[in-house]
C-alpha atoms as a PDB file:
ATOM      1  CA  UNK A   1     -94.604 -14.723  66.064  1.00  0.00           C
ATOM      2  CA  UNK A   2     -91.777 -15.546  63.802  1.00  0.00           C
ATOM      3  CA  UNK A   3     -92.433 -14.645  60.013  1.00  0.00           C
ATOM      4  CA  UNK A   4     -91.668 -17.769  57.810  1.00  0.00           C
ATOM      5  CA  UNK A   5     -89.314 -18.306  55.184  1.00  0.00           C
ATOM      6  CA  UNK A   6     -90.383 -17.300  51.840  1.00  0.00           C
ATOM      7  CA  UNK A   7     -88.562 -18.402  48.396  1.00  0.00           C
ATOM      8  CA  UNK A   8     -88.458 -15.714  45.222  1.00  0.00           C
ATOM      9  CA  UNK A   9     -87.943 -18.127  42.263  1.00  0.00           C
ATOM     10  CA  UNK A  10     -87.106 -16.243  38.540  1.00  0.00           C
ATOM     11  CA  UNK A  11     -86.526 -17.809  35.293  1.00  0.00           C
ATOM     12  CA  UNK A  12     -84.642 -15.610  33.365  1.00  0.00           C
ATOM     13  CA  UNK A  13     -83.506 -15.856  29.090  1.00  0.00           C
ATOM     14  CA  UNK A  14     -81.382 -13.093  27.930  1.00  0.00           C
ATOM     15  CA  UNK A  15     -82.530 -10.574  30.705  1.00  0.00           C
ATOM     16  CA  UNK A  16     -79.478  -8.595  30.711  1.00  0.00           C
ATOM     17  CA  UNK A  17     -81.537  -5.023  30.240  1.00  0.00           C
ATOM     18  CA  UNK A  18     -83.935  -5.861  33.367  1.00  0.00           C
ATOM     19  CA  UNK A  19     -82.892  -8.487  35.467  1.00  0.00           C
ATOM     20  CA  UNK A  20     -80.695  -6.296  38.067  1.00  0.00           C
ATOM     21  CA  UNK A  21     -83.711  -4.154  38.683  1.00  0.00           C
ATOM     22  CA  UNK A  22     -85.681  -7.007  39.558  1.00  0.00           C
ATOM     23  CA  UNK A  23     -83.138  -8.589  41.982  1.00  0.00           C
ATOM     24  CA  UNK A  24     -82.543  -4.800  43.416  1.00  0.00           C
ATOM     25  CA  UNK A  25     -86.446  -4.523  43.737  1.00  0.00           C
ATOM     26  CA  UNK A  26     -86.179  -7.986  45.768  1.00  0.00           C
ATOM     27  CA  UNK A  27     -83.499  -7.143  47.996  1.00  0.00           C
ATOM     28  CA  UNK A  28     -85.473  -3.815  48.867  1.00  0.00           C
ATOM     29  CA  UNK A  29     -88.831  -5.708  50.675  1.00  0.00           C
ATOM     30  CA  UNK A  30     -90.071  -4.728  53.471  1.00  0.00           C
ATOM     31  CA  UNK A  31     -90.782  -8.283  54.582  1.00  0.00           C
ATOM     32  CA  UNK A  32     -89.138  -8.905  57.738  1.00  0.00           C
ATOM     33  CA  UNK A  33     -88.587 -12.350  57.522  1.00  0.00           C
ATOM     34  CA  UNK A  34     -86.240 -14.433  55.989  1.00  0.00           C
ATOM     35  CA  UNK A  35     -86.025 -15.006  52.275  1.00  0.00           C
ATOM     36  CA  UNK A  36     -83.943 -16.535  49.411  1.00  0.00           C
ATOM     37  CA  UNK A  37     -84.366 -15.412  45.777  1.00  0.00           C
ATOM     38  CA  UNK A  38     -83.123 -18.113  43.537  1.00  0.00           C
ATOM     39  CA  UNK A  39     -82.675 -17.285  39.503  1.00  0.00           C
ATOM     40  CA  UNK A  40     -82.807 -20.068  37.281  1.00  0.00           C
ATOM     41  CA  UNK A  41     -81.239 -19.094  33.977  1.00  0.00           C
ATOM     42  CA  UNK A  42     -82.516 -20.933  31.232  1.00  0.00           C
ATOM     43  CA  UNK A  43     -79.414 -20.842  28.513  1.00  0.00           C
ATOM     44  CA  UNK A  44     -78.749 -17.134  28.124  1.00  0.00           C
ATOM     45  CA  UNK A  45     -75.980 -16.129  26.181  1.00  0.00           C
ATOM     46  CA  UNK A  46     -75.535 -12.828  26.840  1.00  0.00           C
ATOM     47  CA  UNK A  47     -74.167 -11.136  30.105  1.00  0.00           C
ATOM     48  CA  UNK A  48     -77.388 -12.157  32.084  1.00  0.00           C
ATOM     49  CA  UNK A  49     -75.259 -14.380  34.311  1.00  0.00           C
ATOM     50  CA  UNK A  50     -72.602 -12.182  35.649  1.00  0.00           C
ATOM     51  CA  UNK A  51     -75.448  -9.437  36.344  1.00  0.00           C
ATOM     52  CA  UNK A  52     -76.975 -12.383  38.794  1.00  0.00           C
ATOM     53  CA  UNK A  53     -73.334 -13.211  39.919  1.00  0.00           C
ATOM     54  CA  UNK A  54     -72.563  -9.625  41.180  1.00  0.00           C
ATOM     55  CA  UNK A  55     -75.557 -10.236  43.405  1.00  0.00           C
ATOM     56  CA  UNK A  56     -73.704 -12.175  46.491  1.00  0.00           C
ATOM     57  CA  UNK A  57     -76.832 -13.220  48.412  1.00  0.00           C
ATOM     58  CA  UNK A  58     -78.896 -14.779  45.321  1.00  0.00           C
ATOM     59  CA  UNK A  59     -78.863 -18.426  44.427  1.00  0.00           C
ATOM     60  CA  UNK A  60     -78.142 -19.013  40.923  1.00  0.00           C
ATOM     61  CA  UNK A  61     -78.553 -21.849  38.405  1.00  0.00           C
ATOM     62  CA  UNK A  62     -77.851 -22.634  34.798  1.00  0.00           C
ATOM     63  CA  UNK A  63     -79.781 -25.059  32.540  1.00  0.00           C
ATOM     64  CA  UNK A  64     -79.792 -25.667  28.938  1.00  0.00           C
ATOM     65  CA  UNK A  65     -82.765 -23.457  27.163  1.00  0.00           C
ATOM     66  CA  UNK A  66     -86.006 -25.662  28.290  1.00  0.00           C
ATOM     67  CA  UNK A  67     -88.333 -23.060  28.326  1.00  0.00           C
ATOM     68  CA  UNK A  68     -89.819 -21.228  31.588  1.00  0.00           C
ATOM     69  CA  UNK A  69     -91.840 -23.644  33.038  1.00  0.00           C
ATOM     70  CA  UNK A  70     -89.056 -26.040  33.346  1.00  0.00           C
ATOM     71  CA  UNK A  71     -87.007 -23.322  34.915  1.00  0.00           C
ATOM     72  CA  UNK A  72     -89.592 -22.342  37.555  1.00  0.00           C
ATOM     73  CA  UNK A  73     -90.076 -25.927  38.057  1.00  0.00           C
ATOM     74  CA  UNK A  74     -86.045 -25.997  38.804  1.00  0.00           C
ATOM     75  CA  UNK A  75     -86.199 -23.108  41.152  1.00  0.00           C
ATOM     76  CA  UNK A  76     -88.529 -24.600  43.219  1.00  0.00           C
ATOM     77  CA  UNK A  77     -86.785 -27.856  43.777  1.00  0.00           C
ATOM     78  CA  UNK A  78     -83.864 -25.640  44.729  1.00  0.00           C
ATOM     79  CA  UNK A  79     -86.216 -23.517  47.407  1.00  0.00           C
ATOM     80  CA  UNK A  80     -86.964 -24.115  50.831  1.00  0.00           C
ATOM     81  CA  UNK A  81     -89.727 -21.693  51.852  1.00  0.00           C
ATOM     82  CA  UNK A  82     -93.108 -22.588  52.788  1.00  0.00           C
ATOM     83  CA  UNK A  83     -94.183 -19.805  50.841  1.00  0.00           C
ATOM     84  CA  UNK A  84     -92.950 -19.708  47.303  1.00  0.00           C
ATOM     85  CA  UNK A  85     -93.157 -16.622  44.907  1.00  0.00           C
ATOM     86  CA  UNK A  86     -92.599 -16.218  41.270  1.00  0.00           C
ATOM     87  CA  UNK A  87     -92.156 -13.680  38.960  1.00  0.00           C
ATOM     88  CA  UNK A  88     -90.306 -12.941  35.855  1.00  0.00           C
ATOM     89  CA  UNK A  89     -87.035 -11.229  34.925  1.00  0.00           C
ATOM     90  CA  UNK A  90     -88.656  -8.022  33.005  1.00  0.00           C
ATOM     91  CA  UNK A  91     -90.886  -7.416  36.675  1.00  0.00           C
ATOM     92  CA  UNK A  92     -89.849  -5.000  39.133  1.00  0.00           C
ATOM     93  CA  UNK A  93     -91.545  -5.677  42.231  1.00  0.00           C
ATOM     94  CA  UNK A  94     -93.092  -2.858  44.400  1.00  0.00           C
ATOM     95  CA  UNK A  95     -91.404  -2.738  48.388  1.00  0.00           C
ATOM     96  CA  UNK A  96     -94.533  -4.586  49.522  1.00  0.00           C
ATOM     97  CA  UNK A  97     -95.440  -7.000  47.149  1.00  0.00           C
ATOM     98  CA  UNK A  98     -94.220  -9.952  49.927  1.00  0.00           C
ATOM     99  CA  UNK A  99     -95.962  -8.912  52.730  1.00  0.00           C
ATOM    100  CA  UNK A 100     -99.252  -8.170  50.505  1.00  0.00           C
ATOM    101  CA  UNK A 101     -99.448 -11.373  48.836  1.00  0.00           C
ATOM    102  CA  UNK A 102     -98.831 -13.531  52.144  1.00  0.00           C
ATOM    103  CA  UNK A 103    -101.785 -11.214  53.629  1.00  0.00           C
ATOM    104  CA  UNK A 104    -104.101 -13.188  51.021  1.00  0.00           C
ATOM    105  CA  UNK A 105    -104.082 -16.261  52.704  1.00  0.00           C
ATOM    106  CA  UNK A 106    -107.012 -15.758  54.415  1.00  0.00           C
ATOM    107  CA  UNK A 107    -107.334 -19.507  55.154  1.00  0.00           C
ATOM    108  CA  UNK A 108    -105.991 -23.149  54.558  1.00  0.00           C
ATOM    109  CA  UNK A 109    -108.102 -23.668  51.997  1.00  0.00           C
ATOM    110  CA  UNK A 110    -106.653 -20.354  49.623  1.00  0.00           C
ATOM    111  CA  UNK A 111    -103.414 -22.227  47.817  1.00  0.00           C
ATOM    112  CA  UNK A 112    -102.412 -19.262  45.766  1.00  0.00           C
ATOM    113  CA  UNK A 113    -102.480 -15.681  45.742  1.00  0.00           C
ATOM    114  CA  UNK A 114    -101.823 -13.709  42.595  1.00  0.00           C
ATOM    115  CA  UNK A 115    -100.994 -10.091  42.080  1.00  0.00           C
ATOM    116  CA  UNK A 116    -101.658  -7.610  39.322  1.00  0.00           C
ATOM    117  CA  UNK A 117     -99.082  -5.417  37.078  1.00  0.00           C
ATOM    118  CA  UNK A 118     -97.991  -1.990  37.024  1.00  0.00           C
ATOM    119  CA  UNK A 119     -95.945  -0.346  34.415  1.00  0.00           C
ATOM    120  CA  UNK A 120     -92.300   0.259  34.123  1.00  0.00           C
ATOM    121  CA  UNK A 121     -91.699   1.464  30.594  1.00  0.00           C
ATOM    122  CA  UNK A 122     -94.465   3.983  30.936  1.00  0.00           C
ATOM    123  CA  UNK A 123     -92.652   6.570  28.166  1.00  0.00           C
ATOM    124  CA  UNK A 124     -93.794   3.967  25.220  1.00  0.00           C
ATOM    125  CA  UNK A 125     -97.376   4.316  23.639  1.00  0.00           C
ATOM    126  CA  UNK A 126     -97.703   0.908  23.160  1.00  0.00           C
ATOM    127  CA  UNK A 127     -96.577  -0.324  26.682  1.00  0.00           C
ATOM    128  CA  UNK A 128     -99.207   2.407  27.921  1.00  0.00           C
ATOM    129  CA  UNK A 129    -101.938   0.716  26.224  1.00  0.00           C
ATOM    130  CA  UNK A 130    -101.660  -2.660  26.633  1.00  0.00           C
ATOM    131  CA  UNK A 131    -101.198  -1.712  30.548  1.00  0.00           C
ATOM    132  CA  UNK A 132    -104.496  -0.059  30.511  1.00  0.00           C
ATOM    133  CA  UNK A 133    -106.022  -2.686  28.852  1.00  0.00           C
ATOM    134  CA  UNK A 134    -104.880  -5.082  31.799  1.00  0.00           C
ATOM    135  CA  UNK A 135    -106.008  -2.486  34.312  1.00  0.00           C
ATOM    136  CA  UNK A 136    -109.294  -2.606  32.850  1.00  0.00           C
ATOM    137  CA  UNK A 137    -109.681  -6.001  32.719  1.00  0.00           C
ATOM    138  CA  UNK A 138    -108.406  -6.619  36.604  1.00  0.00           C
ATOM    139  CA  UNK A 139    -110.574  -3.936  37.692  1.00  0.00           C
ATOM    140  CA  UNK A 140    -114.330  -5.050  35.886  1.00  0.00           C
ATOM    141  CA  UNK A 141    -113.770  -9.017  35.087  1.00  0.00           C
ATOM    142  CA  UNK A 142    -111.337 -10.498  37.817  1.00  0.00           C
ATOM    143  CA  UNK A 143    -113.142 -11.616  40.722  1.00  0.00           C
ATOM    144  CA  UNK A 144    -111.575 -12.016  44.248  1.00  0.00           C
ATOM    145  CA  UNK A 145    -111.383 -16.001  43.606  1.00  0.00           C
ATOM    146  CA  UNK A 146    -110.594 -16.026  40.024  1.00  0.00           C
ATOM    147  CA  UNK A 147    -110.236 -19.322  37.903  1.00  0.00           C
ATOM    148  CA  UNK A 148    -106.769 -18.648  36.787  1.00  0.00           C
ATOM    149  CA  UNK A 149    -103.214 -16.120  37.713  1.00  0.00           C
ATOM    150  CA  UNK A 150    -100.025 -15.074  35.611  1.00  0.00           C
ATOM    151  CA  UNK A 151     -96.860 -16.450  36.556  1.00  0.00           C
ATOM    152  CA  UNK A 152     -95.425 -12.895  36.568  1.00  0.00           C
ATOM    153  CA  UNK A 153     -96.761 -11.982  40.087  1.00  0.00           C
ATOM    154  CA  UNK A 154     -97.923 -15.239  41.982  1.00  0.00           C
ATOM    155  CA  UNK A 155     -97.025 -16.999  45.253  1.00  0.00           C
ATOM    156  CA  UNK A 156     -98.051 -20.752  46.469  1.00  0.00           C
ATOM    157  CA  UNK A 157     -97.954 -22.688  49.341  1.00  0.00           C
ATOM    158  CA  UNK A 158     -95.149 -25.047  49.069  1.00  0.00           C
ATOM    159  CA  UNK A 159     -97.305 -28.341  49.435  1.00  0.00           C
ATOM    160  CA  UNK A 160    -100.111 -27.235  46.959  1.00  0.00           C
ATOM    161  CA  UNK A 161     -97.489 -26.607  44.296  1.00  0.00           C
ATOM    162  CA  UNK A 162     -95.747 -29.737  44.929  1.00  0.00           C
ATOM    163  CA  UNK A 163     -99.022 -31.619  44.936  1.00  0.00           C
ATOM    164  CA  UNK A 164     -99.820 -31.047  41.241  1.00  0.00           C
ATOM    165  CA  UNK A 165     -96.195 -31.238  40.151  1.00  0.00           C
ATOM    166  CA  UNK A 166     -95.762 -28.087  39.153  1.00  0.00           C
ATOM    167  CA  UNK A 167     -95.870 -26.346  35.532  1.00  0.00           C
ATOM    168  CA  UNK A 168     -96.456 -28.481  32.947  1.00  0.00           C
ATOM    169  CA  UNK A 169     -93.207 -28.514  30.811  1.00  0.00           C
ATOM    170  CA  UNK A 170     -94.864 -29.763  27.808  1.00  0.00           C
ATOM    171  CA  UNK A 171     -95.531 -25.449  27.133  1.00  0.00           C
ATOM    172  CA  UNK A 172     -92.559 -24.899  26.011  1.00  0.00           C
ATOM    173  CA  UNK A 173     -92.910 -21.273  25.220  1.00  0.00           C
ATOM    174  CA  UNK A 174     -94.216 -18.484  27.757  1.00  0.00           C
ATOM    175  CA  UNK A 175     -97.847 -18.978  27.151  1.00  0.00           C
ATOM    176  CA  UNK A 176    -100.447 -21.155  28.727  1.00  0.00           C
ATOM    177  CA  UNK A 177     -98.218 -23.104  31.392  1.00  0.00           C
ATOM    178  CA  UNK A 178     -99.549 -20.466  34.184  1.00  0.00           C
ATOM    179  CA  UNK A 179    -103.345 -21.241  33.134  1.00  0.00           C
ATOM    180  CA  UNK A 180    -102.590 -24.741  32.898  1.00  0.00           C
ATOM    181  CA  UNK A 181    -101.142 -24.563  36.516  1.00  0.00           C
ATOM    182  CA  UNK A 182    -104.240 -22.262  37.626  1.00  0.00           C
ATOM    183  CA  UNK A 183    -106.617 -25.196  36.575  1.00  0.00           C
ATOM    184  CA  UNK A 184    -104.685 -28.128  38.392  1.00  0.00           C
ATOM    185  CA  UNK A 185    -104.445 -26.067  41.378  1.00  0.00           C
ATOM    186  CA  UNK A 186    -108.150 -25.463  41.277  1.00  0.00           C
ATOM    187  CA  UNK A 187    -108.875 -29.401  40.715  1.00  0.00           C
ATOM    188  CA  UNK A 188    -106.950 -30.022  43.387  1.00  0.00           C
ATOM    189  CA  UNK A 189    -109.472 -28.221  45.979  1.00  0.00           C
ATOM    190  CA  UNK A 190    -107.702 -25.092  46.641  1.00  0.00           C
ATOM    191  CA  UNK A 191    -108.819 -21.675  45.894  1.00  0.00           C
ATOM    192  CA  UNK A 192    -106.791 -18.654  44.400  1.00  0.00           C
ATOM    193  CA  UNK A 193    -107.257 -15.445  46.023  1.00  0.00           C
ATOM    194  CA  UNK A 194    -106.478 -11.958  43.724  1.00  0.00           C
ATOM    195  CA  UNK A 195    -104.670  -9.507  45.844  1.00  0.00           C
ATOM    196  CA  UNK A 196    -105.236  -6.528  44.065  1.00  0.00           C
ATOM    197  CA  UNK A 197    -102.834  -4.371  45.068  1.00  0.00           C
ATOM    198  CA  UNK A 198     -99.952  -6.677  45.266  1.00  0.00           C
ATOM    199  CA  UNK A 199     -98.125  -5.134  42.164  1.00  0.00           C
ATOM    200  CA  UNK A 200     -94.861  -5.422  39.876  1.00  0.00           C
ATOM    201  CA  UNK A 201     -94.258  -2.779  37.645  1.00  0.00           C
ATOM    202  CA  UNK A 202     -93.684  -4.928  34.396  1.00  0.00           C
ATOM    203  CA  UNK A 203     -91.819  -3.780  31.094  1.00  0.00           C
ATOM    204  CA  UNK A 204     -94.346  -4.066  28.249  1.00  0.00           C
ATOM    205  CA  UNK A 205     -93.799  -4.680  24.697  1.00  0.00           C
ATOM    206  CA  UNK A 206     -92.496  -1.394  22.570  1.00  0.00           C
ATOM    207  CA  UNK A 207     -92.712  -2.830  19.272  1.00  0.00           C
ATOM    208  CA  UNK A 208     -95.999  -4.058  17.600  1.00  0.00           C
ATOM    209  CA  UNK A 209     -94.335  -6.837  15.608  1.00  0.00           C
ATOM    210  CA  UNK A 210     -92.503  -8.376  18.325  1.00  0.00           C
ATOM    211  CA  UNK A 211     -95.957  -7.644  20.587  1.00  0.00           C
ATOM    212  CA  UNK A 212     -98.108 -10.008  17.412  1.00  0.00           C
ATOM    213  CA  UNK A 213     -95.794 -12.392  17.498  1.00  0.00           C
ATOM    214  CA  UNK A 214     -95.983 -12.928  21.275  1.00  0.00           C
ATOM    215  CA  UNK A 215     -99.883 -13.177  20.540  1.00  0.00           C
ATOM    216  CA  UNK A 216     -99.920 -15.358  17.837  1.00  0.00           C
ATOM    217  CA  UNK A 217     -97.887 -17.442  20.205  1.00  0.00           C
ATOM    218  CA  UNK A 218    -100.641 -17.076  22.899  1.00  0.00           C
ATOM    219  CA  UNK A 219    -103.420 -18.339  20.379  1.00  0.00           C
ATOM    220  CA  UNK A 220    -101.320 -21.025  19.245  1.00  0.00           C
ATOM    221  CA  UNK A 221    -100.593 -22.502  22.786  1.00  0.00           C
ATOM    222  CA  UNK A 222    -104.318 -21.605  24.107  1.00  0.00           C
ATOM    223  CA  UNK A 223    -105.240 -24.677  21.734  1.00  0.00           C
ATOM    224  CA  UNK A 224    -102.938 -27.115  23.624  1.00  0.00           C
ATOM    225  CA  UNK A 225    -104.607 -25.433  27.123  1.00  0.00           C
ATOM    226  CA  UNK A 226    -108.244 -26.163  25.825  1.00  0.00           C
ATOM    227  CA  UNK A 227    -107.591 -29.449  24.881  1.00  0.00           C
ATOM    228  CA  UNK A 228    -106.103 -30.414  28.307  1.00  0.00           C
ATOM    229  CA  UNK A 229    -108.811 -28.370  30.219  1.00  0.00           C
ATOM    230  CA  UNK A 230    -111.613 -28.255  27.620  1.00  0.00           C
ATOM    231  CA  UNK A 231    -114.208 -26.911  30.046  1.00  0.00           C
ATOM    232  CA  UNK A 232    -112.172 -23.427  30.533  1.00  0.00           C
ATOM    233  CA  UNK A 233    -112.796 -22.968  26.659  1.00  0.00           C
ATOM    234  CA  UNK A 234    -115.768 -21.039  27.888  1.00  0.00           C
ATOM    235  CA  UNK A 235    -113.443 -18.300  29.650  1.00  0.00           C
ATOM    236  CA  UNK A 236    -111.304 -17.433  32.509  1.00  0.00           C
ATOM    237  CA  UNK A 237    -112.494 -14.745  34.102  1.00  0.00           C
ATOM    238  CA  UNK A 238    -109.650 -12.659  32.271  1.00  0.00           C
ATOM    239  CA  UNK A 239    -111.100 -13.091  28.955  1.00  0.00           C
ATOM    240  CA  UNK A 240    -114.937 -11.585  27.691  1.00  0.00           C
ATOM    241  CA  UNK A 241    -117.018 -12.058  25.215  1.00  0.00           C
ATOM    242  CA  UNK A 242    -114.901  -9.791  22.854  1.00  0.00           C
ATOM    243  CA  UNK A 243    -112.305 -12.086  23.366  1.00  0.00           C
ATOM    244  CA  UNK A 244    -114.675 -15.172  22.610  1.00  0.00           C
ATOM    245  CA  UNK A 245    -116.026 -13.880  19.354  1.00  0.00           C
ATOM    246  CA  UNK A 246    -112.983 -12.205  17.671  1.00  0.00           C
ATOM    247  CA  UNK A 247    -111.639 -15.476  16.329  1.00  0.00           C
ATOM    248  CA  UNK A 248    -114.899 -16.871  14.241  1.00  0.00           C
ATOM    249  CA  UNK A 249    -115.225 -13.113  13.178  1.00  0.00           C
ATOM    250  CA  UNK A 250    -111.730 -13.161  11.661  1.00  0.00           C
ATOM    251  CA  UNK A 251    -112.095 -16.744  10.477  1.00  0.00           C
ATOM    252  CA  UNK A 252    -114.721 -15.473   8.373  1.00  0.00           C
ATOM    253  CA  UNK A 253    -113.612 -12.629   7.161  1.00  0.00           C
ATOM    254  CA  UNK A 254    -110.810 -14.807   5.638  1.00  0.00           C
ATOM    255  CA  UNK A 255    -112.979 -17.225   4.222  1.00  0.00           C
ATOM    256  CA  UNK A 256    -115.447 -14.657   2.628  1.00  0.00           C
ATOM    257  CA  UNK A 257    -112.224 -12.911   0.869  1.00  0.00           C
ATOM    258  CA  UNK A 258    -111.322 -16.326  -0.479  1.00  0.00           C
ATOM    259  CA  UNK A 259    -114.569 -16.902  -1.818  1.00  0.00           C
ATOM    260  CA  UNK A 260    -114.817 -13.198  -2.838  1.00  0.00           C
ATOM    261  CA  UNK A 261    -111.662 -14.253  -4.891  1.00  0.00           C
ATOM    262  CA  UNK A 262    -113.716 -17.144  -6.885  1.00  0.00           C
ATOM    263  CA  UNK A 263    -117.356 -16.324  -6.861  1.00  0.00           C
ATOM    264  CA  UNK A 264    -117.653 -12.817  -6.976  1.00  0.00           C
ATOM    265  CA  UNK A 265    -117.488  -9.246  -5.103  1.00  0.00           C
ATOM    266  CA  UNK A 266    -120.496  -9.914  -3.306  1.00  0.00           C
ATOM    267  CA  UNK A 267    -118.095 -12.564  -0.543  1.00  0.00           C
ATOM    268  CA  UNK A 268    -115.815  -9.561  -0.472  1.00  0.00           C
ATOM    269  CA  UNK A 269    -118.661  -7.074   0.315  1.00  0.00           C
ATOM    270  CA  UNK A 270    -119.389  -9.299   3.528  1.00  0.00           C
ATOM    271  CA  UNK A 271    -116.035  -9.558   4.348  1.00  0.00           C
ATOM    272  CA  UNK A 272    -115.611  -6.318   4.246  1.00  0.00           C
ATOM    273  CA  UNK A 273    -118.966  -5.277   6.526  1.00  0.00           C
ATOM    274  CA  UNK A 274    -117.532  -7.987   9.127  1.00  0.00           C
ATOM    275  CA  UNK A 275    -114.205  -6.483   9.119  1.00  0.00           C
ATOM    276  CA  UNK A 276    -115.853  -2.930  10.044  1.00  0.00           C
ATOM    277  CA  UNK A 277    -118.045  -4.489  12.345  1.00  0.00           C
ATOM    278  CA  UNK A 278    -115.141  -5.957  14.369  1.00  0.00           C
ATOM    279  CA  UNK A 279    -113.153  -2.637  14.111  1.00  0.00           C
ATOM    280  CA  UNK A 280    -115.858  -0.564  15.867  1.00  0.00           C
ATOM    281  CA  UNK A 281    -115.928  -3.292  18.403  1.00  0.00           C
ATOM    282  CA  UNK A 282    -112.287  -2.768  19.003  1.00  0.00           C
ATOM    283  CA  UNK A 283    -112.758   1.246  19.105  1.00  0.00           C
ATOM    284  CA  UNK A 284    -115.513   1.008  21.410  1.00  0.00           C
ATOM    285  CA  UNK A 285    -113.482  -1.124  24.423  1.00  0.00           C
ATOM    286  CA  UNK A 286    -110.359   1.195  23.241  1.00  0.00           C
ATOM    287  CA  UNK A 287    -112.351   4.083  24.380  1.00  0.00           C
ATOM    288  CA  UNK A 288    -113.598   2.294  27.563  1.00  0.00           C
ATOM    289  CA  UNK A 289    -109.894   1.364  28.580  1.00  0.00           C
ATOM    290  CA  UNK A 290    -108.324   4.546  27.148  1.00  0.00           C
ATOM    291  CA  UNK A 291    -109.325   8.251  27.674  1.00  0.00           C
ATOM    292  CA  UNK A 292    -106.761   9.823  25.196  1.00  0.00           C
ATOM    293  CA  UNK A 293    -108.828   9.510  21.600  1.00  0.00           C
ATOM    294  CA  UNK A 294    -105.834   9.124  19.427  1.00  0.00           C
ATOM    295  CA  UNK A 295    -104.097   6.791  21.995  1.00  0.00           C
ATOM    296  CA  UNK A 296    -107.559   4.852  21.913  1.00  0.00           C
ATOM    297  CA  UNK A 297    -107.752   4.800  17.997  1.00  0.00           C
ATOM    298  CA  UNK A 298    -104.352   3.460  17.597  1.00  0.00           C
ATOM    299  CA  UNK A 299    -104.712   0.504  20.331  1.00  0.00           C
ATOM    300  CA  UNK A 300    -108.015  -0.460  18.521  1.00  0.00           C
ATOM    301  CA  UNK A 301    -106.091  -1.031  15.610  1.00  0.00           C
ATOM    302  CA  UNK A 302    -103.737  -2.700  17.453  1.00  0.00           C
ATOM    303  CA  UNK A 303    -106.546  -4.990  18.787  1.00  0.00           C
ATOM    304  CA  UNK A 304    -107.549  -5.712  15.243  1.00  0.00           C
ATOM    305  CA  UNK A 305    -104.019  -6.757  14.134  1.00  0.00           C
ATOM    306  CA  UNK A 306    -103.710  -8.698  17.648  1.00  0.00           C
ATOM    307  CA  UNK A 307    -107.469 -10.626  17.001  1.00  0.00           C
ATOM    308  CA  UNK A 308    -105.834 -11.620  13.199  1.00  0.00           C
ATOM    309  CA  UNK A 309    -102.682 -12.716  15.038  1.00  0.00           C
ATOM    310  CA  UNK A 310    -103.946 -14.429  17.637  1.00  0.00           C
ATOM    311  CA  UNK A 311    -106.516 -16.258  15.186  1.00  0.00           C
ATOM    312  CA  UNK A 312    -103.956 -17.226  13.211  1.00  0.00           C
ATOM    313  CA  UNK A 313    -101.783 -18.550  15.828  1.00  0.00           C
ATOM    314  CA  UNK A 314    -105.223 -20.685  16.879  1.00  0.00           C
ATOM    315  CA  UNK A 315    -105.193 -22.064  13.887  1.00  0.00           C
ATOM    316  CA  UNK A 316    -101.906 -23.483  13.618  1.00  0.00           C
ATOM    317  CA  UNK A 317    -102.446 -24.799  17.173  1.00  0.00           C
ATOM    318  CA  UNK A 318    -105.401 -26.977  15.851  1.00  0.00           C
ATOM    319  CA  UNK A 319    -103.356 -28.281  13.125  1.00  0.00           C
ATOM    320  CA  UNK A 320    -100.356 -29.336  15.580  1.00  0.00           C
ATOM    321  CA  UNK A 321    -102.418 -30.701  18.800  1.00  0.00           C
ATOM    322  CA  UNK A 322    -105.756 -31.886  17.057  1.00  0.00           C
ATOM    323  CA  UNK A 323    -105.126 -32.845  13.268  1.00  0.00           C
ATOM    324  CA  UNK A 324    -104.036 -36.639  13.111  1.00  0.00           C
ATOM    325  CA  UNK A 325     -99.855 -37.231  12.562  1.00  0.00           C
ATOM    326  CA  UNK A 326    -100.562 -39.032   9.452  1.00  0.00           C
ATOM    327  CA  UNK A 327    -102.734 -36.051   7.980  1.00  0.00           C
ATOM    328  CA  UNK A 328    -100.230 -33.830   8.831  1.00  0.00           C
ATOM    329  CA  UNK A 329     -97.609 -35.787   7.092  1.00  0.00           C
ATOM    330  CA  UNK A 330     -99.503 -36.079   3.905  1.00  0.00           C
ATOM    331  CA  UNK A 331    -100.038 -32.353   3.972  1.00  0.00           C
END
């Protein structure tokens, strides 16, 4: 039987360091059927465009900067495949990626097959720790039929993606738009299948400050996601109870420290006690994910900083998406 045409859509923005590796990996795919590779440049001002154009079989499209959600939607509009794959410009799909994803469409009820992460920059400590956490979460918390998937590695039936109008472009940054799409697809009646061994090797963050800024962004856009899909505020399979308790604990610490400045050291002591408890929770889970002791201690500290960064982003999101505009103008 003839293999179907598959399309691969990649949004790019200032991806000169990694996009060639991505495209080379897609050209090496073992899939025997026809495929088209579509790259949507979201306003890059580096050498990204010239690198992409050196791959003659790749379809290149340029748009003014509108965000990755809009770029993916434009890539879909240019595509023709019955199955449309999505990955990112800092990901290197493994050779069997297409075939392993297609094998996940076990029946007509499955509208999306999503995969997992490998690691492309294993020499960096922070990257190794972030990857270890993802492996842990995917192994112990992600079921075969999850509630959400990441935009870095998934394949959708053309009619399923089209029926929900694709990504919501109101999610301007790379955060929340994939969860939003996941929930719309589930609400449409289709299922999501998690193909655990369909991997793309990812270049994870290597700098702490950049990573924390990304986490602030995640916290910010999560508020919009919960506003649009309130039932998902209780969890999405990837998150678990540790993620849920972190924001109230962080807010308690900040609130008690402020009270301590006005009403005495007893409040500061309570804040310190909660901070120790939260630190111990991070340390326990870090040791469950990472076996090397020093690396586990390092990442426990990073997760503690991440909890504060995400929470502050969440507070900023509440102000942006929930407070009345008149209140925000006054203050």
